Full PDB file with SEQRES, HELIX, SHEET, SSBOND, CRYST1, ORIGX, SCALE, CONECT and MASTER records, all heavy atoms in Angstrom:
SEQRES   1 A   31  THR HIS VAL ASP VAL LEU ARG GLU LEU MET ASP HIS ARG          
SEQRES   2 A   31  SER VAL GLU THR THR MET GLY TYR TYR GLN VAL SER LEU          
SEQRES   3 A   31  LYS ARG LYS GLN GLU                                          
HELIX    1 AA1 VAL A    3  MET A   10  1                                   8    
HELIX    2 AA2 VAL A   15  GLN A   30  1                                  16    
CRYST1    1.000    1.000    1.000  90.00  90.00  90.00 P 1           1          
ORIGX1      1.000000  0.000000  0.000000        0.00000                         
ORIGX2      0.000000  1.000000  0.000000        0.00000                         
ORIGX3      0.000000  0.000000  1.000000        0.00000                         
SCALE1      1.000000  0.000000  0.000000        0.00000                         
SCALE2      0.000000  1.000000  0.000000        0.00000                         
SCALE3      0.000000  0.000000  1.000000        0.00000                         
ATOM      1  N   THR A   1      -1.918   8.528  -0.307  1.00  0.00           N  
ATOM      2  CA  THR A   1      -3.242   8.082  -0.744  1.00  0.00           C  
ATOM      3  C   THR A   1      -3.727   6.977   0.220  1.00  0.00           C  
ATOM      4  O   THR A   1      -2.967   6.076   0.520  1.00  0.00           O  
ATOM      5  CB  THR A   1      -3.200   7.529  -2.178  1.00  0.00           C  
ATOM      6  OG1 THR A   1      -2.703   8.554  -3.063  1.00  0.00           O  
ATOM      7  CG2 THR A   1      -4.577   7.076  -2.636  1.00  0.00           C  
ATOM      8  N   HIS A   2      -4.949   7.076   0.671  1.00  0.00           N  
ATOM      9  CA  HIS A   2      -5.487   6.130   1.630  1.00  0.00           C  
ATOM     10  C   HIS A   2      -5.396   4.694   1.006  1.00  0.00           C  
ATOM     11  O   HIS A   2      -5.599   4.522  -0.133  1.00  0.00           O  
ATOM     12  CB  HIS A   2      -6.944   6.459   2.002  1.00  0.00           C  
ATOM     13  CG  HIS A   2      -7.425   5.771   3.183  1.00  0.00           C  
ATOM     14  ND1 HIS A   2      -7.891   4.491   3.146  1.00  0.00           N  
ATOM     15  CD2 HIS A   2      -7.498   6.126   4.500  1.00  0.00           C  
ATOM     16  CE1 HIS A   2      -8.234   4.105   4.366  1.00  0.00           C  
ATOM     17  NE2 HIS A   2      -8.036   5.105   5.167  1.00  0.00           N  
ATOM     18  N   VAL A   3      -5.087   3.725   1.888  1.00  0.00           N  
ATOM     19  CA  VAL A   3      -4.848   2.378   1.405  1.00  0.00           C  
ATOM     20  C   VAL A   3      -6.068   1.798   0.715  1.00  0.00           C  
ATOM     21  O   VAL A   3      -5.942   1.087  -0.264  1.00  0.00           O  
ATOM     22  CB  VAL A   3      -4.396   1.484   2.588  1.00  0.00           C  
ATOM     23  CG1 VAL A   3      -5.468   1.329   3.636  1.00  0.00           C  
ATOM     24  CG2 VAL A   3      -3.996   0.107   2.077  1.00  0.00           C  
ATOM     25  N   ASP A   4      -7.320   2.109   1.196  1.00  0.00           N  
ATOM     26  CA  ASP A   4      -8.502   1.569   0.534  1.00  0.00           C  
ATOM     27  C   ASP A   4      -8.651   2.218  -0.862  1.00  0.00           C  
ATOM     28  O   ASP A   4      -9.127   1.524  -1.770  1.00  0.00           O  
ATOM     29  CB  ASP A   4      -9.758   1.884   1.389  1.00  0.00           C  
ATOM     30  CG  ASP A   4      -9.795   1.010   2.628  1.00  0.00           C  
ATOM     31  OD1 ASP A   4      -9.210  -0.039   2.586  1.00  0.00           O  
ATOM     32  OD2 ASP A   4     -10.427   1.453   3.613  1.00  0.00           O  
ATOM     33  N   VAL A   5      -8.263   3.491  -0.986  1.00  0.00           N  
ATOM     34  CA  VAL A   5      -8.351   4.112  -2.291  1.00  0.00           C  
ATOM     35  C   VAL A   5      -7.332   3.506  -3.243  1.00  0.00           C  
ATOM     36  O   VAL A   5      -7.618   3.200  -4.425  1.00  0.00           O  
ATOM     37  CB  VAL A   5      -8.133   5.667  -2.146  1.00  0.00           C  
ATOM     38  CG1 VAL A   5      -8.102   6.302  -3.560  1.00  0.00           C  
ATOM     39  CG2 VAL A   5      -9.224   6.275  -1.295  1.00  0.00           C  
ATOM     40  N   LEU A   6      -6.106   3.344  -2.765  1.00  0.00           N  
ATOM     41  CA  LEU A   6      -5.101   2.731  -3.608  1.00  0.00           C  
ATOM     42  C   LEU A   6      -5.411   1.266  -3.995  1.00  0.00           C  
ATOM     43  O   LEU A   6      -5.146   0.826  -5.121  1.00  0.00           O  
ATOM     44  CB  LEU A   6      -3.735   2.753  -2.894  1.00  0.00           C  
ATOM     45  CG  LEU A   6      -2.497   2.228  -3.725  1.00  0.00           C  
ATOM     46  CD1 LEU A   6      -2.424   2.919  -5.044  1.00  0.00           C  
ATOM     47  CD2 LEU A   6      -1.217   2.407  -2.934  1.00  0.00           C  
ATOM     48  N   ARG A   7      -6.000   0.531  -3.108  1.00  0.00           N  
ATOM     49  CA  ARG A   7      -6.471  -0.815  -3.420  1.00  0.00           C  
ATOM     50  C   ARG A   7      -7.444  -0.789  -4.588  1.00  0.00           C  
ATOM     51  O   ARG A   7      -7.349  -1.651  -5.528  1.00  0.00           O  
ATOM     52  CB  ARG A   7      -7.139  -1.483  -2.228  1.00  0.00           C  
ATOM     53  CG  ARG A   7      -7.515  -2.944  -2.498  1.00  0.00           C  
ATOM     54  CD  ARG A   7      -8.174  -3.575  -1.273  1.00  0.00           C  
ATOM     55  NE  ARG A   7      -9.543  -3.062  -1.076  1.00  0.00           N  
ATOM     56  CZ  ARG A   7     -10.602  -3.486  -1.632  1.00  0.00           C  
ATOM     57  NH1 ARG A   7     -10.508  -4.511  -2.527  1.00  0.00           N  
ATOM     58  NH2 ARG A   7     -11.756  -2.995  -1.409  1.00  0.00           N  
ATOM     59  N   GLU A   8      -8.336   0.182  -4.580  1.00  0.00           N  
ATOM     60  CA  GLU A   8      -9.331   0.301  -5.729  1.00  0.00           C  
ATOM     61  C   GLU A   8      -8.594   0.698  -6.984  1.00  0.00           C  
ATOM     62  O   GLU A   8      -8.854   0.193  -8.080  1.00  0.00           O  
ATOM     63  CB  GLU A   8     -10.416   1.299  -5.353  1.00  0.00           C  
ATOM     64  CG  GLU A   8     -11.400   0.821  -4.294  1.00  0.00           C  
ATOM     65  CD  GLU A   8     -12.184  -0.367  -4.753  1.00  0.00           C  
ATOM     66  OE1 GLU A   8     -12.521  -0.482  -5.958  1.00  0.00           O  
ATOM     67  OE2 GLU A   8     -12.510  -1.239  -3.957  1.00  0.00           O  
ATOM     68  N   LEU A   9      -7.655   1.660  -6.854  1.00  0.00           N  
ATOM     69  CA  LEU A   9      -6.932   2.083  -8.040  1.00  0.00           C  
ATOM     70  C   LEU A   9      -6.132   0.922  -8.659  1.00  0.00           C  
ATOM     71  O   LEU A   9      -5.994   0.819  -9.918  1.00  0.00           O  
ATOM     72  CB  LEU A   9      -5.984   3.254  -7.682  1.00  0.00           C  
ATOM     73  CG  LEU A   9      -6.605   4.533  -7.263  1.00  0.00           C  
ATOM     74  CD1 LEU A   9      -5.585   5.601  -6.790  1.00  0.00           C  
ATOM     75  CD2 LEU A   9      -7.455   5.141  -8.429  1.00  0.00           C  
ATOM     76  N   MET A  10      -5.531   0.114  -7.851  1.00  0.00           N  
ATOM     77  CA  MET A  10      -4.710  -0.982  -8.299  1.00  0.00           C  
ATOM     78  C   MET A  10      -5.532  -2.196  -8.693  1.00  0.00           C  
ATOM     79  O   MET A  10      -5.053  -3.186  -9.262  1.00  0.00           O  
ATOM     80  CB  MET A  10      -3.669  -1.411  -7.253  1.00  0.00           C  
ATOM     81  CG  MET A  10      -2.662  -0.313  -6.931  1.00  0.00           C  
ATOM     82  SD  MET A  10      -1.640   0.114  -8.378  1.00  0.00           S  
ATOM     83  CE  MET A  10      -0.665  -1.357  -8.522  1.00  0.00           C  
ATOM     84  N   ASP A  11      -6.784  -2.229  -8.324  1.00  0.00           N  
ATOM     85  CA  ASP A  11      -7.751  -3.315  -8.574  1.00  0.00           C  
ATOM     86  C   ASP A  11      -7.230  -4.566  -7.938  1.00  0.00           C  
ATOM     87  O   ASP A  11      -7.252  -5.668  -8.522  1.00  0.00           O  
ATOM     88  CB  ASP A  11      -7.916  -3.524 -10.099  1.00  0.00           C  
ATOM     89  CG  ASP A  11      -9.287  -4.142 -10.398  1.00  0.00           C  
ATOM     90  OD1 ASP A  11     -10.101  -4.285  -9.470  1.00  0.00           O  
ATOM     91  OD2 ASP A  11      -9.572  -4.418 -11.590  1.00  0.00           O  
ATOM     92  N   HIS A  12      -6.718  -4.450  -6.711  1.00  0.00           N  
ATOM     93  CA  HIS A  12      -6.231  -5.615  -5.943  1.00  0.00           C  
ATOM     94  C   HIS A  12      -7.444  -6.282  -5.264  1.00  0.00           C  
ATOM     95  O   HIS A  12      -8.374  -5.667  -4.889  1.00  0.00           O  
ATOM     96  CB  HIS A  12      -5.258  -5.201  -4.841  1.00  0.00           C  
ATOM     97  CG  HIS A  12      -3.932  -4.864  -5.334  1.00  0.00           C  
ATOM     98  ND1 HIS A  12      -3.113  -3.929  -4.708  1.00  0.00           N  
ATOM     99  CD2 HIS A  12      -3.237  -5.227  -6.426  1.00  0.00           C  
ATOM    100  CE1 HIS A  12      -1.948  -3.775  -5.374  1.00  0.00           C  
ATOM    101  NE2 HIS A  12      -1.999  -4.578  -6.436  1.00  0.00           N  
ATOM    102  N   ARG A  13      -7.344  -7.605  -5.086  1.00  0.00           N  
ATOM    103  CA  ARG A  13      -8.374  -8.348  -4.364  1.00  0.00           C  
ATOM    104  C   ARG A  13      -8.244  -8.063  -2.849  1.00  0.00           C  
ATOM    105  O   ARG A  13      -9.223  -7.894  -2.191  1.00  0.00           O  
ATOM    106  CB  ARG A  13      -8.225  -9.847  -4.576  1.00  0.00           C  
ATOM    107  CG  ARG A  13      -8.649 -10.363  -5.928  1.00  0.00           C  
ATOM    108  CD  ARG A  13      -8.729 -11.884  -5.912  1.00  0.00           C  
ATOM    109  NE  ARG A  13      -9.085 -12.452  -7.188  1.00  0.00           N  
ATOM    110  CZ  ARG A  13      -8.229 -12.879  -8.082  1.00  0.00           C  
ATOM    111  NH1 ARG A  13      -6.920 -12.802  -7.786  1.00  0.00           N  
ATOM    112  NH2 ARG A  13      -8.575 -13.421  -9.221  1.00  0.00           N  
ATOM    113  N   SER A  14      -7.000  -8.058  -2.396  1.00  0.00           N  
ATOM    114  CA  SER A  14      -6.771  -7.930  -0.978  1.00  0.00           C  
ATOM    115  C   SER A  14      -6.006  -6.685  -0.579  1.00  0.00           C  
ATOM    116  O   SER A  14      -5.056  -6.267  -1.335  1.00  0.00           O  
ATOM    117  CB  SER A  14      -5.972  -9.175  -0.505  1.00  0.00           C  
ATOM    118  OG  SER A  14      -5.496  -9.036   0.794  1.00  0.00           O  
ATOM    119  N   VAL A  15      -6.397  -6.093   0.520  1.00  0.00           N  
ATOM    120  CA  VAL A  15      -5.731  -4.854   0.974  1.00  0.00           C  
ATOM    121  C   VAL A  15      -4.288  -5.186   1.433  1.00  0.00           C  
ATOM    122  O   VAL A  15      -3.383  -4.338   1.410  1.00  0.00           O  
ATOM    123  CB  VAL A  15      -6.515  -4.216   2.126  1.00  0.00           C  
ATOM    124  CG1 VAL A  15      -6.369  -5.026   3.421  1.00  0.00           C  
ATOM    125  CG2 VAL A  15      -6.020  -2.780   2.331  1.00  0.00           C  
ATOM    126  N   GLU A  16      -4.008  -6.514   1.780  1.00  0.00           N  
ATOM    127  CA  GLU A  16      -2.654  -6.879   2.218  1.00  0.00           C  
ATOM    128  C   GLU A  16      -1.664  -6.663   1.076  1.00  0.00           C  
ATOM    129  O   GLU A  16      -0.516  -6.319   1.247  1.00  0.00           O  
ATOM    130  CB  GLU A  16      -2.645  -8.321   2.707  1.00  0.00           C  
ATOM    131  CG  GLU A  16      -3.207  -8.521   4.070  1.00  0.00           C  
ATOM    132  CD  GLU A  16      -4.687  -8.557   4.081  1.00  0.00           C  
ATOM    133  OE1 GLU A  16      -5.300  -8.614   2.954  1.00  0.00           O  
ATOM    134  OE2 GLU A  16      -5.279  -8.585   5.180  1.00  0.00           O  
ATOM    135  N   THR A  17      -2.142  -6.938  -0.141  1.00  0.00           N  
ATOM    136  CA  THR A  17      -1.269  -6.715  -1.321  1.00  0.00           C  
ATOM    137  C   THR A  17      -0.905  -5.276  -1.455  1.00  0.00           C  
ATOM    138  O   THR A  17       0.294  -4.868  -1.675  1.00  0.00           O  
ATOM    139  CB  THR A  17      -1.963  -7.191  -2.582  1.00  0.00           C  
ATOM    140  OG1 THR A  17      -2.309  -8.562  -2.461  1.00  0.00           O  
ATOM    141  CG2 THR A  17      -1.118  -6.974  -3.818  1.00  0.00           C  
ATOM    142  N   THR A  18      -1.895  -4.437  -1.298  1.00  0.00           N  
ATOM    143  CA  THR A  18      -1.651  -2.952  -1.412  1.00  0.00           C  
ATOM    144  C   THR A  18      -0.756  -2.477  -0.271  1.00  0.00           C  
ATOM    145  O   THR A  18       0.054  -1.541  -0.508  1.00  0.00           O  
ATOM    146  CB  THR A  18      -3.003  -2.211  -1.351  1.00  0.00           C  
ATOM    147  OG1 THR A  18      -3.925  -2.831  -2.230  1.00  0.00           O  
ATOM    148  CG2 THR A  18      -2.839  -0.760  -1.749  1.00  0.00           C  
ATOM    149  N   MET A  19      -0.883  -3.027   0.901  1.00  0.00           N  
ATOM    150  CA  MET A  19      -0.083  -2.616   2.060  1.00  0.00           C  
ATOM    151  C   MET A  19       1.402  -2.786   1.802  1.00  0.00           C  
ATOM    152  O   MET A  19       2.206  -2.120   2.428  1.00  0.00           O  
ATOM    153  CB  MET A  19      -0.529  -3.311   3.297  1.00  0.00           C  
ATOM    154  CG  MET A  19      -1.788  -2.847   3.962  1.00  0.00           C  
ATOM    155  SD  MET A  19      -1.705  -1.088   4.406  1.00  0.00           S  
ATOM    156  CE  MET A  19      -0.328  -1.106   5.579  1.00  0.00           C  
ATOM    157  N   GLY A  20       1.785  -3.659   0.903  1.00  0.00           N  
ATOM    158  CA  GLY A  20       3.162  -3.868   0.638  1.00  0.00           C  
ATOM    159  C   GLY A  20       3.877  -2.583   0.219  1.00  0.00           C  
ATOM    160  O   GLY A  20       5.003  -2.355   0.541  1.00  0.00           O  
ATOM    161  N   TYR A  21       3.163  -1.701  -0.504  1.00  0.00           N  
ATOM    162  CA  TYR A  21       3.788  -0.502  -1.017  1.00  0.00           C  
ATOM    163  C   TYR A  21       3.957   0.507   0.163  1.00  0.00           C  
ATOM    164  O   TYR A  21       4.945   1.246   0.224  1.00  0.00           O  
ATOM    165  CB  TYR A  21       2.918   0.119  -2.083  1.00  0.00           C  
ATOM    166  CG  TYR A  21       2.857  -0.777  -3.313  1.00  0.00           C  
ATOM    167  CD1 TYR A  21       1.788  -1.629  -3.492  1.00  0.00           C  
ATOM    168  CD2 TYR A  21       3.885  -0.771  -4.227  1.00  0.00           C  
ATOM    169  CE1 TYR A  21       1.742  -2.495  -4.617  1.00  0.00           C  
ATOM    170  CE2 TYR A  21       3.888  -1.638  -5.363  1.00  0.00           C  
ATOM    171  CZ  TYR A  21       2.771  -2.487  -5.505  1.00  0.00           C  
ATOM    172  OH  TYR A  21       2.758  -3.363  -6.567  1.00  0.00           O  
ATOM    173  N   TYR A  22       2.997   0.505   1.105  1.00  0.00           N  
ATOM    174  CA  TYR A  22       3.186   1.377   2.285  1.00  0.00           C  
ATOM    175  C   TYR A  22       4.301   0.887   3.159  1.00  0.00           C  
ATOM    176  O   TYR A  22       4.994   1.716   3.808  1.00  0.00           O  
ATOM    177  CB  TYR A  22       1.834   1.411   3.078  1.00  0.00           C  
ATOM    178  CG  TYR A  22       0.748   2.093   2.336  1.00  0.00           C  
ATOM    179  CD1 TYR A  22      -0.076   1.427   1.425  1.00  0.00           C  
ATOM    180  CD2 TYR A  22       0.560   3.500   2.465  1.00  0.00           C  
ATOM    181  CE1 TYR A  22      -1.057   2.091   0.756  1.00  0.00           C  
ATOM    182  CE2 TYR A  22      -0.427   4.142   1.789  1.00  0.00           C  
ATOM    183  CZ  TYR A  22      -1.245   3.467   0.908  1.00  0.00           C  
ATOM    184  OH  TYR A  22      -2.258   4.080   0.188  1.00  0.00           O  
ATOM    185  N   GLN A  23       4.459  -0.432   3.225  1.00  0.00           N  
ATOM    186  CA  GLN A  23       5.609  -0.970   3.954  1.00  0.00           C  
ATOM    187  C   GLN A  23       6.952  -0.541   3.358  1.00  0.00           C  
ATOM    188  O   GLN A  23       7.890  -0.258   4.078  1.00  0.00           O  
ATOM    189  CB  GLN A  23       5.490  -2.481   4.054  1.00  0.00           C  
ATOM    190  CG  GLN A  23       4.334  -2.974   4.870  1.00  0.00           C  
ATOM    191  CD  GLN A  23       4.038  -4.436   4.668  1.00  0.00           C  
ATOM    192  OE1 GLN A  23       4.657  -5.094   3.864  1.00  0.00           O  
ATOM    193  NE2 GLN A  23       3.081  -4.980   5.430  1.00  0.00           N  
ATOM    194  N   VAL A  24       6.997  -0.468   2.041  1.00  0.00           N  
ATOM    195  CA  VAL A  24       8.206   0.041   1.400  1.00  0.00           C  
ATOM    196  C   VAL A  24       8.414   1.464   1.746  1.00  0.00           C  
ATOM    197  O   VAL A  24       9.571   1.897   2.068  1.00  0.00           O  
ATOM    198  CB  VAL A  24       8.086  -0.121  -0.148  1.00  0.00           C  
ATOM    199  CG1 VAL A  24       9.246   0.585  -0.827  1.00  0.00           C  
ATOM    200  CG2 VAL A  24       8.124  -1.613  -0.515  1.00  0.00           C  
ATOM    201  N   SER A  25       7.341   2.298   1.777  1.00  0.00           N  
ATOM    202  CA  SER A  25       7.504   3.688   2.127  1.00  0.00           C  
ATOM    203  C   SER A  25       7.948   3.859   3.603  1.00  0.00           C  
ATOM    204  O   SER A  25       8.806   4.657   3.870  1.00  0.00           O  
ATOM    205  CB  SER A  25       6.131   4.358   1.974  1.00  0.00           C  
ATOM    206  OG  SER A  25       5.673   4.417   0.616  1.00  0.00           O  
ATOM    207  N   LEU A  26       7.408   3.050   4.466  1.00  0.00           N  
ATOM    208  CA  LEU A  26       7.814   3.068   5.877  1.00  0.00           C  
ATOM    209  C   LEU A  26       9.252   2.696   6.067  1.00  0.00           C  
ATOM    210  O   LEU A  26       9.998   3.311   6.807  1.00  0.00           O  
ATOM    211  CB  LEU A  26       6.883   2.171   6.734  1.00  0.00           C  
ATOM    212  CG  LEU A  26       7.192   2.079   8.189  1.00  0.00           C  
ATOM    213  CD1 LEU A  26       7.102   3.469   8.844  1.00  0.00           C  
ATOM    214  CD2 LEU A  26       6.300   1.088   8.872  1.00  0.00           C  
ATOM    215  N   LYS A  27       9.685   1.681   5.329  1.00  0.00           N  
ATOM    216  CA  LYS A  27      11.060   1.209   5.453  1.00  0.00           C  
ATOM    217  C   LYS A  27      12.012   2.328   4.967  1.00  0.00           C  
ATOM    218  O   LYS A  27      13.042   2.594   5.622  1.00  0.00           O  
ATOM    219  CB  LYS A  27      11.263  -0.008   4.561  1.00  0.00           C  
ATOM    220  CG  LYS A  27      12.663  -0.601   4.614  1.00  0.00           C  
ATOM    221  CD  LYS A  27      12.811  -1.814   3.749  1.00  0.00           C  
ATOM    222  CE  LYS A  27      14.242  -2.369   3.760  1.00  0.00           C  
ATOM    223  NZ  LYS A  27      14.364  -3.569   2.879  1.00  0.00           N  
ATOM    224  N   ARG A  28      11.677   2.984   3.893  1.00  0.00           N  
ATOM    225  CA  ARG A  28      12.534   4.064   3.421  1.00  0.00           C  
ATOM    226  C   ARG A  28      12.564   5.242   4.390  1.00  0.00           C  
ATOM    227  O   ARG A  28      13.585   5.849   4.615  1.00  0.00           O  
ATOM    228  CB  ARG A  28      12.022   4.556   2.062  1.00  0.00           C  
ATOM    229  CG  ARG A  28      12.227   3.608   0.872  1.00  0.00           C  
ATOM    230  CD  ARG A  28      12.381   4.345  -0.427  1.00  0.00           C  
ATOM    231  NE  ARG A  28      11.251   5.218  -0.645  1.00  0.00           N  
ATOM    232  CZ  ARG A  28      10.177   4.915  -1.408  1.00  0.00           C  
ATOM    233  NH1 ARG A  28      10.170   3.717  -2.010  1.00  0.00           N  
ATOM    234  NH2 ARG A  28       9.185   5.743  -1.575  1.00  0.00           N  
ATOM    235  N   LYS A  29      11.401   5.491   5.016  1.00  0.00           N  
ATOM    236  CA  LYS A  29      11.367   6.579   6.019  1.00  0.00           C  
ATOM    237  C   LYS A  29      12.234   6.232   7.185  1.00  0.00           C  
ATOM    238  O   LYS A  29      13.003   7.075   7.727  1.00  0.00           O  
ATOM    239  CB  LYS A  29       9.919   6.810   6.456  1.00  0.00           C  
ATOM    240  CG  LYS A  29       9.804   7.920   7.529  1.00  0.00           C  
ATOM    241  CD  LYS A  29       8.420   8.053   8.043  1.00  0.00           C  
ATOM    242  CE  LYS A  29       8.334   9.036   9.164  1.00  0.00           C  
ATOM    243  NZ  LYS A  29       6.964   9.155   9.793  1.00  0.00           N  
ATOM    244  N   GLN A  30      12.162   4.957   7.675  1.00  0.00           N  
ATOM    245  CA  GLN A  30      13.012   4.559   8.832  1.00  0.00           C  
ATOM    246  C   GLN A  30      14.479   4.674   8.490  1.00  0.00           C  
ATOM    247  O   GLN A  30      15.282   5.114   9.375  1.00  0.00           O  
ATOM    248  CB  GLN A  30      12.590   3.140   9.208  1.00  0.00           C  
ATOM    249  CG  GLN A  30      11.218   3.027   9.820  1.00  0.00           C  
ATOM    250  CD  GLN A  30      10.765   1.587  10.015  1.00  0.00           C  
ATOM    251  OE1 GLN A  30      11.267   0.702   9.340  1.00  0.00           O  
ATOM    252  NE2 GLN A  30       9.853   1.388  10.961  1.00  0.00           N  
ATOM    253  N   GLU A  31      14.817   4.309   7.321  1.00  0.00           N  
ATOM    254  CA  GLU A  31      16.250   4.392   6.913  1.00  0.00           C  
ATOM    255  C   GLU A  31      16.663   5.888   6.831  1.00  0.00           C  
ATOM    256  O   GLU A  31      17.774   6.219   7.254  1.00  0.00           O  
ATOM    257  CB  GLU A  31      16.466   3.734   5.560  1.00  0.00           C  
ATOM    258  CG  GLU A  31      16.317   2.235   5.526  1.00  0.00           C  
ATOM    259  CD  GLU A  31      16.359   1.597   4.170  1.00  0.00           C  
ATOM    260  OE1 GLU A  31      16.291   2.355   3.173  1.00  0.00           O  
ATOM    261  OE2 GLU A  31      16.355   0.350   4.062  1.00  0.00           O  
TER     262      GLU A  31                                                      
MASTER        0    0    0    2    0    0    0    6  261    1    0    3          
END                                                                             
């Protein structure tokens, strides 16, 4: 799901907060 869409779904103020979840996904992929 696009980060801007997920930010709206989560009702976050900042996209940086939402990006934390994508970083978790990237970390798992790298492992």
